[in-house]
Amino acid sequence: MTLILLNKPFGVLCQFTEEKGGPPRPTLADFVKVPGVYPAGRLDTDSEGLLLLTDDGRLQARIADPRFKMPKTYLVQVEGEPDAAALDALRRGVQLKDGMTLPAEAKRIDDPALWPRDPPVRFRKSVPDCWISLTIREGRNRQVRRMTAAVGHPTLRLVRWQIGDWSLNGLPQGEWREG
């Protein structure tokens, strides 16, 4: 069994081939040259961080399938400064168009020591921002972004830091290691 931890950069498609008819964009094939592995779950093109790739279908299902409720922790730069009520709402679960989310672990954190993003996040002097750590056990489409927006704090930057026991600790952007 092969398991690869990749620190996916911003702007990279979470697949090994380009989208037909779309503009040329980097794909996983530009970073991982290991045959027969596939992503266990997804990260949007505009999200960064930990992506697990494996050749083991059962492990892939255990990681990606929401039935297994594997915790996924994100470092999220949000617009504004969430107060206790906003963080409590995330902890209780948030009503989205596709239903109520499961309760999340949410807390404010100091600015993490991350690699610079290319392109950088848009900075506005008149609008403060801060970082939160958010751990969810679902995997709905753009869930973290929709949750922070629902409590009044749109996401500016989204970095998946950990999936289960696997984390990005010590893994530079665009690099991978076996897990």
N, C-alpha and C. Protein backbone atom coordinates (compact mmCIF):
# COMPACT_ATOMS: atom_id res chain seq x y z
N MET A 1 0.84 -1.18 0.00
CA MET A 1 0.00 0.00 0.00
C MET A 1 0.89 1.24 0.00
N THR A 2 0.50 2.21 -0.80
CA THR A 2 1.20 3.49 -0.86
C THR A 2 0.29 4.57 -0.30
N LEU A 3 0.85 5.42 0.56
CA LEU A 3 0.14 6.60 1.06
C LEU A 3 1.09 7.78 0.95
N ILE A 4 0.63 8.82 0.28
CA ILE A 4 1.43 10.02 0.06
C ILE A 4 0.72 11.21 0.68
N LEU A 5 1.49 12.02 1.41
CA LEU A 5 1.00 13.29 1.94
C LEU A 5 1.57 14.39 1.06
N LEU A 6 0.72 15.17 0.43
CA LEU A 6 1.12 16.27 -0.45
C LEU A 6 0.67 17.58 0.15
N ASN A 7 1.54 18.58 0.14
CA ASN A 7 1.16 19.93 0.51
C ASN A 7 0.78 20.65 -0.78
N LYS A 8 -0.51 20.58 -1.13
CA LYS A 8 -1.02 21.12 -2.40
C LYS A 8 -0.99 22.64 -2.39
N PRO A 9 -0.34 23.25 -3.38
CA PRO A 9 -0.35 24.70 -3.47
C PRO A 9 -1.69 25.25 -3.97
N PHE A 10 -1.92 26.52 -3.70
CA PHE A 10 -3.06 27.26 -4.23
C PHE A 10 -3.01 27.19 -5.76
N GLY A 11 -4.18 27.02 -6.39
CA GLY A 11 -4.27 27.06 -7.84
C GLY A 11 -4.06 25.73 -8.55
N VAL A 12 -3.77 24.67 -7.80
CA VAL A 12 -3.53 23.35 -8.40
C VAL A 12 -4.83 22.55 -8.41
N LEU A 13 -5.15 21.98 -9.58
CA LEU A 13 -6.33 21.12 -9.69
C LEU A 13 -6.09 19.84 -8.91
N CYS A 14 -7.11 19.37 -8.24
CA CYS A 14 -7.02 18.17 -7.41
C CYS A 14 -7.30 16.92 -8.24
N GLN A 15 -6.59 16.81 -9.36
CA GLN A 15 -6.70 15.67 -10.26
C GLN A 15 -5.41 15.60 -11.06
N PHE A 16 -5.21 14.49 -11.77
CA PHE A 16 -3.95 14.29 -12.48
C PHE A 16 -3.99 14.77 -13.92
N THR A 17 -5.16 15.12 -14.45
CA THR A 17 -5.25 15.61 -15.82
C THR A 17 -5.95 16.96 -15.83
N GLU A 18 -5.62 17.78 -16.84
CA GLU A 18 -6.25 19.08 -16.97
C GLU A 18 -7.71 18.91 -17.37
N GLU A 19 -8.51 19.94 -17.07
CA GLU A 19 -9.91 19.92 -17.50
C GLU A 19 -9.95 20.22 -18.99
N LYS A 20 -10.71 19.41 -19.72
CA LYS A 20 -10.82 19.62 -21.16
C LYS A 20 -11.52 20.95 -21.44
N GLY A 21 -10.95 21.73 -22.36
CA GLY A 21 -11.56 23.00 -22.76
C GLY A 21 -11.30 24.14 -21.80
N GLY A 22 -10.73 23.86 -20.65
CA GLY A 22 -10.44 24.92 -19.68
C GLY A 22 -9.06 25.49 -19.90
N PRO A 23 -8.74 26.57 -19.19
CA PRO A 23 -7.40 27.14 -19.30
C PRO A 23 -6.37 26.17 -18.71
N PRO A 24 -5.15 26.18 -19.24
CA PRO A 24 -4.15 25.28 -18.68
C PRO A 24 -3.84 25.65 -17.23
N ARG A 25 -3.91 24.66 -16.36
CA ARG A 25 -3.62 24.87 -14.93
C ARG A 25 -2.79 23.71 -14.42
N PRO A 26 -1.99 23.97 -13.38
CA PRO A 26 -1.21 22.86 -12.83
C PRO A 26 -2.13 21.80 -12.22
N THR A 27 -1.69 20.55 -12.29
CA THR A 27 -2.44 19.42 -11.74
C THR A 27 -1.53 18.65 -10.78
N LEU A 28 -2.08 17.62 -10.15
CA LEU A 28 -1.29 16.79 -9.25
C LEU A 28 -0.11 16.14 -9.97
N ALA A 29 -0.27 15.89 -11.28
CA ALA A 29 0.80 15.26 -12.05
C ALA A 29 2.06 16.13 -12.09
N ASP A 30 1.91 17.43 -11.87
CA ASP A 30 3.07 18.32 -11.84
C ASP A 30 3.87 18.18 -10.55
N PHE A 31 3.32 17.51 -9.54
CA PHE A 31 3.96 17.41 -8.24
C PHE A 31 4.27 15.99 -7.81
N VAL A 32 3.42 15.03 -8.19
CA VAL A 32 3.56 13.64 -7.74
C VAL A 32 3.73 12.75 -8.97
N LYS A 33 4.88 12.08 -9.03
CA LYS A 33 5.19 11.21 -10.18
C LYS A 33 5.11 9.74 -9.79
N VAL A 34 4.21 9.41 -8.87
CA VAL A 34 4.05 8.04 -8.41
C VAL A 34 2.84 7.44 -9.14
N PRO A 35 3.03 6.36 -9.91
CA PRO A 35 1.90 5.79 -10.65
C PRO A 35 0.90 5.09 -9.73
N GLY A 36 -0.37 5.14 -10.12
CA GLY A 36 -1.39 4.34 -9.45
C GLY A 36 -1.98 4.93 -8.18
N VAL A 37 -1.63 6.15 -7.81
CA VAL A 37 -2.22 6.76 -6.61
C VAL A 37 -3.28 7.77 -7.03
N TYR A 38 -4.27 7.92 -6.17
CA TYR A 38 -5.38 8.84 -6.44
C TYR A 38 -5.71 9.58 -5.16
N PRO A 39 -6.25 10.81 -5.29
CA PRO A 39 -6.59 11.58 -4.09
C PRO A 39 -7.70 10.91 -3.28
N ALA A 40 -7.52 10.93 -1.97
CA ALA A 40 -8.55 10.47 -1.03
C ALA A 40 -9.24 11.73 -0.54
N GLY A 41 -10.29 12.12 -1.23
CA GLY A 41 -10.95 13.38 -0.95
C GLY A 41 -10.45 14.44 -1.92
N ARG A 42 -10.94 15.66 -1.71
CA ARG A 42 -10.61 16.75 -2.62
C ARG A 42 -10.22 17.99 -1.84
N LEU A 43 -9.53 18.87 -2.53
CA LEU A 43 -9.28 20.23 -2.05
C LEU A 43 -9.57 21.12 -3.24
N ASP A 44 -10.38 22.14 -3.06
CA ASP A 44 -10.68 23.05 -4.16
C ASP A 44 -9.41 23.68 -4.69
N THR A 45 -9.46 24.15 -5.91
CA THR A 45 -8.31 24.79 -6.54
C THR A 45 -7.82 25.97 -5.70
N ASP A 46 -8.75 26.71 -5.09
CA ASP A 46 -8.36 27.89 -4.31
C ASP A 46 -8.09 27.58 -2.84
N SER A 47 -7.96 26.29 -2.50
CA SER A 47 -7.57 25.88 -1.16
C SER A 47 -6.18 25.24 -1.23
N GLU A 48 -5.49 25.27 -0.10
CA GLU A 48 -4.12 24.75 -0.03
C GLU A 48 -4.04 23.69 1.04
N GLY A 49 -2.90 23.01 1.06
CA GLY A 49 -2.61 22.17 2.19
C GLY A 49 -2.65 20.68 1.93
N LEU A 50 -2.94 19.94 3.00
CA LEU A 50 -2.79 18.49 3.02
C LEU A 50 -3.79 17.79 2.10
N LEU A 51 -3.22 16.99 1.22
CA LEU A 51 -4.00 16.11 0.36
C LEU A 51 -3.35 14.73 0.48
N LEU A 52 -4.16 13.73 0.76
CA LEU A 52 -3.66 12.36 0.86
C LEU A 52 -3.95 11.64 -0.45
N LEU A 53 -2.95 10.92 -0.94
CA LEU A 53 -3.09 10.13 -2.16
C LEU A 53 -2.72 8.69 -1.82
N THR A 54 -3.47 7.75 -2.36
CA THR A 54 -3.20 6.35 -2.06
C THR A 54 -3.59 5.46 -3.24
N ASP A 55 -3.05 4.24 -3.22
CA ASP A 55 -3.45 3.23 -4.20
C ASP A 55 -4.37 2.19 -3.56
N ASP A 56 -4.75 2.42 -2.30
CA ASP A 56 -5.59 1.50 -1.53
C ASP A 56 -7.03 2.02 -1.49
N GLY A 57 -7.91 1.35 -2.20
CA GLY A 57 -9.30 1.80 -2.29
C GLY A 57 -10.02 1.84 -0.95
N ARG A 58 -9.73 0.87 -0.07
CA ARG A 58 -10.40 0.88 1.24
C ARG A 58 -9.95 2.05 2.09
N LEU A 59 -8.65 2.35 2.06
CA LEU A 59 -8.14 3.49 2.80
C LEU A 59 -8.69 4.79 2.21
N GLN A 60 -8.74 4.85 0.89
CA GLN A 60 -9.29 6.03 0.21
C GLN A 60 -10.73 6.28 0.67
N ALA A 61 -11.53 5.23 0.75
CA ALA A 61 -12.93 5.36 1.19
C ALA A 61 -13.00 5.78 2.66
N ARG A 62 -12.14 5.20 3.51
CA ARG A 62 -12.17 5.54 4.93
C ARG A 62 -11.82 7.01 5.16
N ILE A 63 -10.90 7.54 4.34
CA ILE A 63 -10.50 8.94 4.47
C ILE A 63 -11.58 9.87 3.92
N ALA A 64 -12.11 9.55 2.76
CA ALA A 64 -12.99 10.47 2.05
C ALA A 64 -14.47 10.36 2.40
N ASP A 65 -14.93 9.17 2.77
CA ASP A 65 -16.36 8.96 2.97
C ASP A 65 -16.82 9.60 4.28
N PRO A 66 -17.82 10.51 4.22
CA PRO A 66 -18.30 11.18 5.43
C PRO A 66 -18.85 10.23 6.49
N ARG A 67 -19.24 9.00 6.11
CA ARG A 67 -19.77 8.05 7.10
C ARG A 67 -18.74 7.75 8.19
N PHE A 68 -17.45 7.84 7.85
CA PHE A 68 -16.41 7.51 8.81
C PHE A 68 -16.03 8.69 9.70
N LYS A 69 -16.53 9.90 9.35
CA LYS A 69 -16.36 11.10 10.17
C LYS A 69 -14.92 11.34 10.62
N MET A 70 -13.97 11.12 9.69
CA MET A 70 -12.57 11.38 10.01
C MET A 70 -12.36 12.88 10.17
N PRO A 71 -11.76 13.31 11.29
CA PRO A 71 -11.58 14.74 11.52
C PRO A 71 -10.59 15.35 10.53
N LYS A 72 -10.95 16.53 10.04
CA LYS A 72 -10.09 17.30 9.14
C LYS A 72 -9.96 18.70 9.74
N THR A 73 -8.72 19.12 9.98
CA THR A 73 -8.48 20.42 10.60
C THR A 73 -7.95 21.41 9.57
N TYR A 74 -8.56 22.57 9.56
CA TYR A 74 -8.22 23.64 8.63
C TYR A 74 -7.74 24.86 9.40
N LEU A 75 -6.74 25.54 8.86
CA LEU A 75 -6.35 26.85 9.34
C LEU A 75 -7.00 27.83 8.38
N VAL A 76 -7.83 28.72 8.92
CA VAL A 76 -8.69 29.55 8.09
C VAL A 76 -8.46 31.03 8.42
N GLN A 77 -8.01 31.78 7.43
CA GLN A 77 -7.92 33.23 7.59
C GLN A 77 -9.28 33.79 7.18
N VAL A 78 -9.92 34.50 8.11
CA VAL A 78 -11.25 35.02 7.85
C VAL A 78 -11.25 36.54 7.90
N GLU A 79 -12.22 37.10 7.21
CA GLU A 79 -12.43 38.54 7.24
C GLU A 79 -13.10 38.89 8.56
N GLY A 80 -12.60 39.95 9.20
CA GLY A 80 -13.17 40.35 10.48
C GLY A 80 -12.57 39.54 11.62
N GLU A 81 -13.12 39.76 12.81
CA GLU A 81 -12.64 39.06 14.00
C GLU A 81 -13.82 38.39 14.69
N PRO A 82 -13.98 37.07 14.49
CA PRO A 82 -15.13 36.37 15.07
C PRO A 82 -15.15 36.52 16.59
N ASP A 83 -16.34 36.83 17.10
CA ASP A 83 -16.51 36.92 18.55
C ASP A 83 -16.92 35.55 19.10
N ALA A 84 -17.16 35.50 20.41
CA ALA A 84 -17.51 34.23 21.05
C ALA A 84 -18.78 33.64 20.44
N ALA A 85 -19.75 34.49 20.07
CA ALA A 85 -21.01 33.99 19.51
C ALA A 85 -20.78 33.31 18.16
N ALA A 86 -19.92 33.88 17.32
CA ALA A 86 -19.64 33.28 16.01
C ALA A 86 -18.92 31.94 16.18
N LEU A 87 -17.95 31.88 17.09
CA LEU A 87 -17.24 30.62 17.33
C LEU A 87 -18.17 29.58 17.94
N ASP A 88 -19.05 30.01 18.85
CA ASP A 88 -20.03 29.07 19.43
C ASP A 88 -20.96 28.51 18.37
N ALA A 89 -21.37 29.36 17.42
CA ALA A 89 -22.24 28.89 16.34
C ALA A 89 -21.54 27.80 15.53
N LEU A 90 -20.25 28.00 15.22
CA LEU A 90 -19.50 26.97 14.50
C LEU A 90 -19.41 25.68 15.32
N ARG A 91 -19.25 25.83 16.63
CA ARG A 91 -19.13 24.66 17.51
C ARG A 91 -20.45 23.88 17.61
N ARG A 92 -21.57 24.58 17.50
CA ARG A 92 -22.88 23.92 17.60
C ARG A 92 -23.31 23.30 16.28
N GLY A 93 -22.82 23.87 15.17
CA GLY A 93 -23.28 23.48 13.84
C GLY A 93 -23.98 24.67 13.21
N VAL A 94 -23.82 24.80 11.91
CA VAL A 94 -24.33 25.96 11.19
C VAL A 94 -25.36 25.50 10.16
N GLN A 95 -26.43 26.25 10.03
CA GLN A 95 -27.45 25.96 9.01
C GLN A 95 -26.95 26.44 7.66
N LEU A 96 -26.79 25.51 6.72
CA LEU A 96 -26.43 25.85 5.34
C LEU A 96 -27.60 25.48 4.44
N LYS A 97 -27.52 25.86 3.18
CA LYS A 97 -28.63 25.56 2.25
C LYS A 97 -28.90 24.07 2.16
N ASP A 98 -27.85 23.24 2.32
CA ASP A 98 -28.03 21.79 2.23
C ASP A 98 -28.18 21.14 3.60
N GLY A 99 -28.56 21.92 4.61
CA GLY A 99 -28.84 21.36 5.93
C GLY A 99 -27.85 21.80 6.99
N MET A 100 -28.11 21.33 8.19
CA MET A 100 -27.29 21.68 9.35
C MET A 100 -25.97 20.91 9.31
N THR A 101 -24.87 21.59 9.63
CA THR A 101 -23.58 20.90 9.71
C THR A 101 -23.47 20.21 11.07
N LEU A 102 -22.60 19.25 11.15
CA LEU A 102 -22.28 18.66 12.44
C LEU A 102 -21.51 19.69 13.27
N PRO A 103 -21.52 19.57 14.58
CA PRO A 103 -20.72 20.48 15.40
C PRO A 103 -19.24 20.38 15.00
N ALA A 104 -18.55 21.52 15.07
CA ALA A 104 -17.13 21.60 14.72
C ALA A 104 -16.34 22.04 15.94
N GLU A 105 -15.05 21.80 15.90
CA GLU A 105 -14.15 22.39 16.89
C GLU A 105 -13.67 23.69 16.27
N ALA A 106 -13.82 24.80 16.99
CA ALA A 106 -13.44 26.11 16.44
C ALA A 106 -12.78 26.95 17.51
N LYS A 107 -11.64 27.56 17.15
CA LYS A 107 -10.98 28.48 18.08
C LYS A 107 -10.12 29.46 17.30
N ARG A 108 -9.98 30.65 17.89
CA ARG A 108 -9.05 31.62 17.31
C ARG A 108 -7.64 31.16 17.59
N ILE A 109 -6.75 31.43 16.63
CA ILE A 109 -5.34 31.07 16.80
C ILE A 109 -4.48 32.25 16.38
N ASP A 110 -3.23 32.24 16.84
CA ASP A 110 -2.26 33.23 16.37
C ASP A 110 -2.00 32.99 14.89
N ASP A 111 -1.54 34.03 14.19
CA ASP A 111 -1.22 33.87 12.78
C ASP A 111 -0.21 32.72 12.63
N PRO A 112 -0.54 31.69 11.84
CA PRO A 112 0.38 30.56 11.70
C PRO A 112 1.58 30.94 10.83
N ALA A 113 2.68 30.26 11.04
CA ALA A 113 3.89 30.47 10.24
C ALA A 113 3.76 29.62 8.98
N LEU A 114 3.13 30.18 7.96
CA LEU A 114 2.90 29.47 6.70
C LEU A 114 3.75 30.06 5.59
N TRP A 115 3.88 29.33 4.53
CA TRP A 115 4.53 29.78 3.31
C TRP A 115 3.71 30.93 2.72
N PRO A 116 4.34 31.82 1.96
CA PRO A 116 3.54 32.88 1.31
C PRO A 116 2.65 32.28 0.23
N ARG A 117 1.46 32.84 0.08
CA ARG A 117 0.55 32.35 -0.96
C ARG A 117 0.80 33.13 -2.24
N ASP A 118 0.74 32.45 -3.37
CA ASP A 118 0.88 33.08 -4.67
C ASP A 118 -0.36 32.78 -5.50
N PRO A 119 -1.20 33.79 -5.80
CA PRO A 119 -1.05 35.20 -5.44
C PRO A 119 -1.40 35.43 -3.98
N PRO A 120 -0.89 36.55 -3.40
CA PRO A 120 -1.20 36.83 -2.00
C PRO A 120 -2.68 37.13 -1.80
N VAL A 121 -3.13 36.93 -0.55
CA VAL A 121 -4.50 37.27 -0.19
C VAL A 121 -4.64 38.79 -0.27
N ARG A 122 -5.76 39.24 -0.79
CA ARG A 122 -6.02 40.68 -0.90
C ARG A 122 -6.06 41.29 0.50
N PHE A 123 -5.28 42.32 0.70
CA PHE A 123 -5.21 42.98 2.01
C PHE A 123 -5.97 44.30 1.94
N ARG A 124 -6.82 44.56 2.95
CA ARG A 124 -7.55 45.83 3.02
C ARG A 124 -7.34 46.42 4.41
N LYS A 125 -6.76 47.63 4.45
CA LYS A 125 -6.48 48.28 5.73
C LYS A 125 -7.73 48.46 6.58
N SER A 126 -8.87 48.72 5.93
CA SER A 126 -10.09 49.03 6.66
C SER A 126 -10.82 47.80 7.20
N VAL A 127 -10.40 46.60 6.78
CA VAL A 127 -11.08 45.38 7.21
C VAL A 127 -10.07 44.47 7.91
N PRO A 128 -10.23 44.27 9.22
CA PRO A 128 -9.31 43.38 9.92
C PRO A 128 -9.54 41.93 9.50
N ASP A 129 -8.56 41.10 9.80
CA ASP A 129 -8.73 39.67 9.57
C ASP A 129 -8.05 38.94 10.72
N CYS A 130 -8.35 37.66 10.84
CA CYS A 130 -7.69 36.83 11.85
C CYS A 130 -7.75 35.38 11.39
N TRP A 131 -7.10 34.51 12.17
CA TRP A 131 -7.05 33.09 11.85
C TRP A 131 -7.83 32.30 12.88
N ILE A 132 -8.51 31.27 12.39
CA ILE A 132 -9.16 30.31 13.27
C ILE A 132 -8.72 28.91 12.86
N SER A 133 -8.80 28.00 13.81
CA SER A 133 -8.61 26.58 13.53
C SER A 133 -10.01 25.97 13.57
N LEU A 134 -10.35 25.23 12.52
CA LEU A 134 -11.69 24.64 12.41
C LEU A 134 -11.54 23.16 12.08
N THR A 135 -12.07 22.29 12.92
CA THR A 135 -12.03 20.85 12.67
C THR A 135 -13.44 20.37 12.42
N ILE A 136 -13.63 19.75 11.25
CA ILE A 136 -14.95 19.24 10.86
C ILE A 136 -14.84 17.73 10.64
N ARG A 137 -15.99 17.08 10.61
CA ARG A 137 -16.04 15.63 10.40
C ARG A 137 -16.96 15.26 9.26
N GLU A 138 -17.15 16.22 8.36
CA GLU A 138 -17.94 16.00 7.14
C GLU A 138 -17.06 16.41 5.98
N GLY A 139 -17.60 16.39 4.79
CA GLY A 139 -16.82 16.83 3.64
C GLY A 139 -17.72 17.40 2.56
N ARG A 140 -18.63 18.28 2.96
CA ARG A 140 -19.52 18.87 1.96
C ARG A 140 -18.74 19.82 1.06
N ASN A 141 -19.29 20.05 -0.12
CA ASN A 141 -18.68 20.95 -1.08
C ASN A 141 -18.48 22.34 -0.47
N ARG A 142 -17.22 22.81 -0.44
CA ARG A 142 -16.86 24.14 0.05
C ARG A 142 -17.41 24.42 1.45
N GLN A 143 -17.46 23.38 2.27
CA GLN A 143 -18.12 23.47 3.58
C GLN A 143 -17.50 24.52 4.49
N VAL A 144 -16.19 24.52 4.65
CA VAL A 144 -15.57 25.47 5.57
C VAL A 144 -15.86 26.90 5.13
N ARG A 145 -15.72 27.18 3.85
CA ARG A 145 -16.00 28.53 3.34
C ARG A 145 -17.46 28.92 3.60
N ARG A 146 -18.37 27.98 3.39
CA ARG A 146 -19.78 28.29 3.62
C ARG A 146 -20.08 28.47 5.11
N MET A 147 -19.40 27.70 5.97
CA MET A 147 -19.63 27.83 7.41
C MET A 147 -19.15 29.19 7.93
N THR A 148 -17.95 29.60 7.53
CA THR A 148 -17.44 30.89 8.03
C THR A 148 -18.28 32.04 7.49
N ALA A 149 -18.72 31.93 6.25
CA ALA A 149 -19.59 32.97 5.68
C ALA A 149 -20.92 33.03 6.43
N ALA A 150 -21.45 31.87 6.82
CA ALA A 150 -22.74 31.82 7.51
C ALA A 150 -22.70 32.51 8.86
N VAL A 151 -21.51 32.59 9.48
CA VAL A 151 -21.39 33.29 10.76
C VAL A 151 -20.83 34.70 10.58
N GLY A 152 -20.81 35.18 9.32
CA GLY A 152 -20.45 36.57 9.05
C GLY A 152 -18.97 36.84 8.85
N HIS A 153 -18.18 35.79 8.58
CA HIS A 153 -16.73 35.98 8.43
C HIS A 153 -16.22 35.19 7.22
N PRO A 154 -16.33 35.79 6.02
CA PRO A 154 -15.90 35.08 4.82
C PRO A 154 -14.43 34.64 4.89
N THR A 155 -14.16 33.50 4.29
CA THR A 155 -12.81 32.94 4.26
C THR A 155 -11.97 33.69 3.24
N LEU A 156 -10.76 34.07 3.66
CA LEU A 156 -9.79 34.70 2.77
C LEU A 156 -8.74 33.69 2.29
N ARG A 157 -8.32 32.82 3.20
CA ARG A 157 -7.32 31.79 2.87
C ARG A 157 -7.68 30.53 3.65
N LEU A 158 -7.56 29.38 2.97
CA LEU A 158 -7.95 28.11 3.57
C LEU A 158 -6.83 27.09 3.37
N VAL A 159 -6.30 26.59 4.49
CA VAL A 159 -5.21 25.61 4.46
C VAL A 159 -5.64 24.40 5.27
N ARG A 160 -5.75 23.24 4.60
CA ARG A 160 -6.04 22.02 5.36
C ARG A 160 -4.73 21.57 5.99
N TRP A 161 -4.74 21.48 7.33
CA TRP A 161 -3.53 21.18 8.06
C TRP A 161 -3.42 19.71 8.45
N GLN A 162 -4.57 19.09 8.74
CA GLN A 162 -4.52 17.73 9.26
C GLN A 162 -5.74 16.93 8.83
N ILE A 163 -5.52 15.64 8.57
CA ILE A 163 -6.59 14.67 8.31
C ILE A 163 -6.30 13.49 9.23
N GLY A 164 -7.21 13.22 10.17
CA GLY A 164 -6.95 12.15 11.13
C GLY A 164 -5.64 12.41 11.85
N ASP A 165 -4.71 11.44 11.81
CA ASP A 165 -3.41 11.59 12.45
C ASP A 165 -2.34 12.14 11.51
N TRP A 166 -2.65 12.35 10.24
CA TRP A 166 -1.67 12.85 9.28
C TRP A 166 -1.71 14.37 9.25
N SER A 167 -0.52 15.01 9.27
CA SER A 167 -0.51 16.47 9.23
C SER A 167 0.61 16.99 8.33
N LEU A 168 0.55 18.29 8.08
CA LEU A 168 1.53 18.96 7.22
C LEU A 168 2.83 19.29 7.94
N ASN A 169 2.91 19.04 9.24
CA ASN A 169 4.11 19.42 10.00
C ASN A 169 5.38 19.11 9.23
N GLY A 170 6.18 20.15 8.96
CA GLY A 170 7.47 19.98 8.31
C GLY A 170 7.43 19.70 6.82
N LEU A 171 6.27 19.77 6.18
CA LEU A 171 6.17 19.47 4.75
C LEU A 171 6.03 20.77 3.96
N PRO A 172 7.06 21.17 3.21
CA PRO A 172 7.01 22.42 2.46
C PRO A 172 5.94 22.38 1.35
N GLN A 173 5.46 23.55 1.00
CA GLN A 173 4.47 23.68 -0.07
C GLN A 173 4.99 23.06 -1.36
N GLY A 174 4.11 22.28 -2.03
CA GLY A 174 4.46 21.66 -3.30
C GLY A 174 5.28 20.38 -3.17
N GLU A 175 5.61 20.00 -1.93
CA GLU A 175 6.40 18.78 -1.69
C GLU A 175 5.49 17.67 -1.17
N TRP A 176 6.00 16.43 -1.22
CA TRP A 176 5.27 15.29 -0.70
C TRP A 176 6.22 14.35 0.02
N ARG A 177 5.63 13.51 0.84
CA ARG A 177 6.37 12.44 1.52
C ARG A 177 5.44 11.25 1.70
N GLU A 178 6.04 10.08 1.89
CA GLU A 178 5.22 8.90 2.15
C GLU A 178 4.76 8.93 3.59
N GLY A 179 3.50 8.43 3.82
CA GLY A 179 2.91 8.52 5.15
C GLY A 179 3.01 7.28 5.94
